[in-house]
Structure formats: structure tokens, C-alpha cells
Amino acid sequence: MSNQNVETPADLIAAIEERFGPLTLDLAADGKNHKAPNWLGPGGRFEDSLSAEADWTRLLMSAWGGGNGWLNNPYTNTPEWVKKCWATIAEPGAYGFRILQLIPAAVCTNYFVDFVNEYAYRIELTPRPFLTEARDCVLIVWTPEQLVGRETWKWRD
């Protein structure tokens, strides 16, 4: 069984920030592994960022948020995280932010077909970002404008 809580490698974060700009809010982290100055999770703003109280739209549009939300969620419940991303971008009046979500490349799963394909932009990563895990990943770009499409990104030589 693979590790379901794998920290994002620093070189991938650097490449993502070079391409998209700084990360402002980590949506699933703790005091040791957060990739943005503000985070949701243990020691952060909300202990449970999937809870209804953790209103991602409001937080991402607020003065201390905005810009780029980062999400490398535990993979055991990826469908719930994908659905929260989808609900966040679909919120009426949402604007001025994006969520960058790193998930397994499970392109034939129901959640991927129902929520990602028609509502988000998919970036297939090469090479694999996790050297210790045999896992293909995709970076999902969620925006209120619902940019849709796909590309392959060679993020590291």
C-alpha cells in the first residue's frame, strides 16, 4: 500500500510558482508541510478544510488569500476534494483566484469524468514528481472561469 500523505517536492513547487505565480493559501496542510504563507488544516485557519465552515471561495477571494490556492490532498478521499474544488469555482460571484490541485492521474474514475473533464484544465506532469512513489500525477487548474482543456508539461529537465 502506498503512502497517502506525500509532501510535494520543493522543485515542483518552485516550477509551479514560476509558471503561475506565488501560492497564497494551502488548502490542506499543517504547520510543517504548508506550501503557502496561509493554510487550512492542523495549526492553520481551520482544522478540517473539507468542513462546511471552511468556505474556500470566501477565503480565496479575501485580502489575505486571492491568487493561487494550493492543494495536494490526501489521496484516500480524492473525490471529496475534487468535489469541493468544483463547488468552489461554481460559487456565484467567485472571481480572482485559482486552485492548483495535484492528484493521481485517475482519468477514468467517475469523479474525474464527472467533475474534472468539463470544468477544469488538466496538466499532465512529466517527469513524475514523486521519486519514491510510482504514481502518475496531474495538476488540475480550477478557475471560476472554468478554463477547460489539457496539456503535457515537462516541468523539469
Protein backbone atom coordinates (compact mmCIF):
# COMPACT_ATOMS: atom_id res chain seq x y z
CA MET A 1 0.00 0.00 0.00
CA SER A 2 1.33 3.42 -0.91
CA ASN A 3 1.75 6.41 1.36
CA GLN A 4 -1.34 8.62 1.03
CA ASN A 5 0.21 11.76 2.54
CA VAL A 6 3.23 12.60 0.41
CA GLU A 7 4.70 16.08 0.68
CA THR A 8 5.05 17.95 -2.59
CA PRO A 9 8.70 18.16 -3.70
CA ALA A 10 10.22 21.65 -3.41
CA ASP A 11 11.39 21.63 -7.04
CA LEU A 12 7.82 21.03 -8.26
CA ILE A 13 6.51 23.87 -6.07
CA ALA A 14 9.23 26.16 -7.47
CA ALA A 15 8.26 25.23 -11.05
CA ILE A 16 4.56 25.79 -10.31
CA GLU A 17 5.24 29.19 -8.74
CA GLU A 18 7.44 30.18 -11.68
CA ARG A 19 4.62 29.33 -14.07
CA PHE A 20 1.55 30.50 -12.10
CA GLY A 21 2.90 32.94 -9.51
CA PRO A 22 3.13 32.60 -5.73
CA LEU A 23 0.89 30.27 -3.76
CA THR A 24 -1.17 32.26 -1.26
CA LEU A 25 -3.29 29.63 0.51
CA ASP A 26 -2.57 25.94 1.08
CA LEU A 27 -5.95 24.21 1.31
CA ALA A 28 -4.76 21.03 3.04
CA ALA A 29 -1.63 21.30 5.15
CA ASP A 30 -0.22 21.61 8.61
CA GLY A 31 2.42 23.74 10.30
CA LYS A 32 5.26 21.61 8.93
CA ASN A 33 4.33 21.00 5.29
CA HIS A 34 2.38 24.06 4.12
CA LYS A 35 3.47 25.49 0.77
CA ALA A 36 1.86 28.91 1.19
CA PRO A 37 2.02 31.51 3.98
CA ASN A 38 -1.61 30.78 4.93
CA TRP A 39 -3.02 27.28 5.25
CA LEU A 40 -6.05 25.25 6.24
CA GLY A 41 -5.57 22.22 8.41
CA PRO A 42 -3.96 21.44 11.77
CA GLY A 43 -2.37 24.59 13.17
CA GLY A 44 -3.88 26.71 10.41
CA ARG A 45 -7.14 28.57 9.93
CA PHE A 46 -9.45 25.50 10.05
CA GLU A 47 -8.57 22.07 11.38
CA ASP A 48 -10.76 20.38 8.74
CA SER A 49 -10.61 22.18 5.42
CA LEU A 50 -13.30 19.92 3.93
CA SER A 51 -15.82 21.13 6.52
CA ALA A 52 -18.66 23.43 5.51
CA GLU A 53 -17.19 26.13 7.79
CA ALA A 54 -14.05 26.28 5.64
CA ASP A 55 -15.53 28.44 2.87
CA TRP A 56 -12.80 28.26 0.24
CA THR A 57 -14.45 30.79 -2.06
CA ARG A 58 -14.57 33.44 0.65
CA LEU A 59 -11.05 32.64 1.83
CA LEU A 60 -9.54 32.66 -1.66
CA MET A 61 -11.25 35.96 -2.52
CA SER A 62 -10.29 37.63 0.77
CA ALA A 63 -7.43 40.10 1.16
CA TRP A 64 -5.07 37.53 2.71
CA GLY A 65 -5.99 34.91 0.13
CA GLY A 66 -6.60 35.55 -3.53
CA GLY A 67 -4.26 34.44 -6.23
CA ASN A 68 -3.33 30.78 -6.12
CA GLY A 69 -4.73 28.20 -3.76
CA TRP A 70 -2.59 25.06 -3.50
CA LEU A 71 -3.96 21.57 -2.86
CA ASN A 72 -2.04 18.32 -2.57
CA ASN A 73 -4.71 16.50 -0.60
CA PRO A 74 -4.51 13.04 0.95
CA TYR A 75 -5.28 10.67 -1.90
CA THR A 76 -7.56 8.34 0.08
CA ASN A 77 -10.54 10.66 -0.40
CA THR A 78 -9.64 12.47 -3.61
CA PRO A 79 -13.27 12.52 -4.86
CA GLU A 80 -14.34 14.69 -1.89
CA TRP A 81 -11.51 17.16 -2.51
CA VAL A 82 -12.31 17.31 -6.24
CA LYS A 83 -15.98 17.98 -5.47
CA LYS A 84 -15.05 20.81 -3.09
CA CYS A 85 -12.82 22.37 -5.77
CA TRP A 86 -15.67 22.11 -8.27
CA ALA A 87 -18.17 23.64 -5.81
CA THR A 88 -15.74 26.47 -5.02
CA ILE A 89 -15.29 27.57 -8.62
CA ALA A 90 -19.03 27.20 -9.29
CA GLU A 91 -19.93 29.55 -6.41
CA PRO A 92 -21.86 32.56 -7.73
CA GLY A 93 -19.69 35.68 -7.65
CA ALA A 94 -16.39 33.77 -7.43
CA TYR A 95 -13.51 35.54 -9.16
CA GLY A 96 -9.83 36.45 -8.88
CA PHE A 97 -8.35 33.14 -7.82
CA ARG A 98 -7.46 29.67 -8.99
CA ILE A 99 -6.92 26.36 -7.25
CA LEU A 100 -3.95 24.26 -8.33
CA GLN A 101 -4.68 20.68 -7.27
CA LEU A 102 -2.20 17.82 -7.57
CA ILE A 103 -3.98 14.46 -7.84
CA PRO A 104 -3.35 10.96 -9.18
CA ALA A 105 -3.92 10.67 -12.92
CA ALA A 106 -7.05 8.56 -12.48
CA VAL A 107 -8.67 9.85 -15.67
CA CYS A 108 -11.25 7.06 -15.97
CA THR A 109 -12.71 7.38 -12.47
CA ASN A 110 -16.23 8.71 -12.01
CA TYR A 111 -15.10 11.83 -10.17
CA PHE A 112 -12.60 12.68 -12.90
CA VAL A 113 -15.15 12.19 -15.68
CA ASP A 114 -17.99 13.99 -13.84
CA PHE A 115 -16.11 16.92 -12.33
CA VAL A 116 -12.69 17.48 -13.88
CA ASN A 117 -13.08 16.90 -17.62
CA GLU A 118 -15.78 19.51 -18.25
CA TYR A 119 -14.89 22.09 -15.57
CA ALA A 120 -11.10 22.33 -15.24
CA TYR A 121 -7.79 22.42 -17.08
CA ARG A 122 -5.63 19.30 -16.76
CA ILE A 123 -1.83 19.43 -16.90
CA GLU A 124 -0.12 16.06 -17.18
CA LEU A 125 3.26 16.19 -15.48
CA THR A 126 6.45 14.73 -16.83
CA PRO A 127 8.60 13.50 -15.21
CA ARG A 128 6.73 12.02 -12.27
CA PRO A 129 7.13 14.42 -9.34
CA PHE A 130 7.41 11.76 -6.65
CA LEU A 131 10.55 9.68 -6.95
CA THR A 132 9.62 7.30 -4.12
CA GLU A 133 6.07 6.64 -5.33
CA ALA A 134 5.22 5.00 -8.66
CA ARG A 135 2.40 7.44 -9.33
CA ASP A 136 1.45 9.49 -12.35
CA CYS A 137 0.02 12.84 -11.31
CA VAL A 138 -1.89 15.63 -12.95
CA LEU A 139 -2.10 19.24 -11.93
CA ILE A 140 -5.71 20.39 -12.13
CA VAL A 141 -6.21 24.12 -12.64
CA TRP A 142 -9.59 25.19 -11.26
CA THR A 143 -10.78 28.72 -12.07
CA PRO A 144 -14.19 30.40 -11.72
CA GLU A 145 -14.00 30.99 -15.49
CA GLN A 146 -13.87 27.19 -15.87
CA LEU A 147 -10.99 27.02 -18.32
CA VAL A 148 -11.17 23.53 -19.84
CA GLY A 149 -8.55 21.55 -21.74
CA ARG A 150 -5.35 19.61 -21.26
CA GLU A 151 -1.61 19.71 -21.92
CA THR A 152 1.55 17.88 -21.02
CA TRP A 153 4.10 19.93 -19.08
CA LYS A 154 7.76 18.95 -18.86
CA TRP A 155 8.27 20.79 -15.57
CA ARG A 156 11.83 19.57 -15.05
CA ASP A 157 14.59 18.53 -17.46
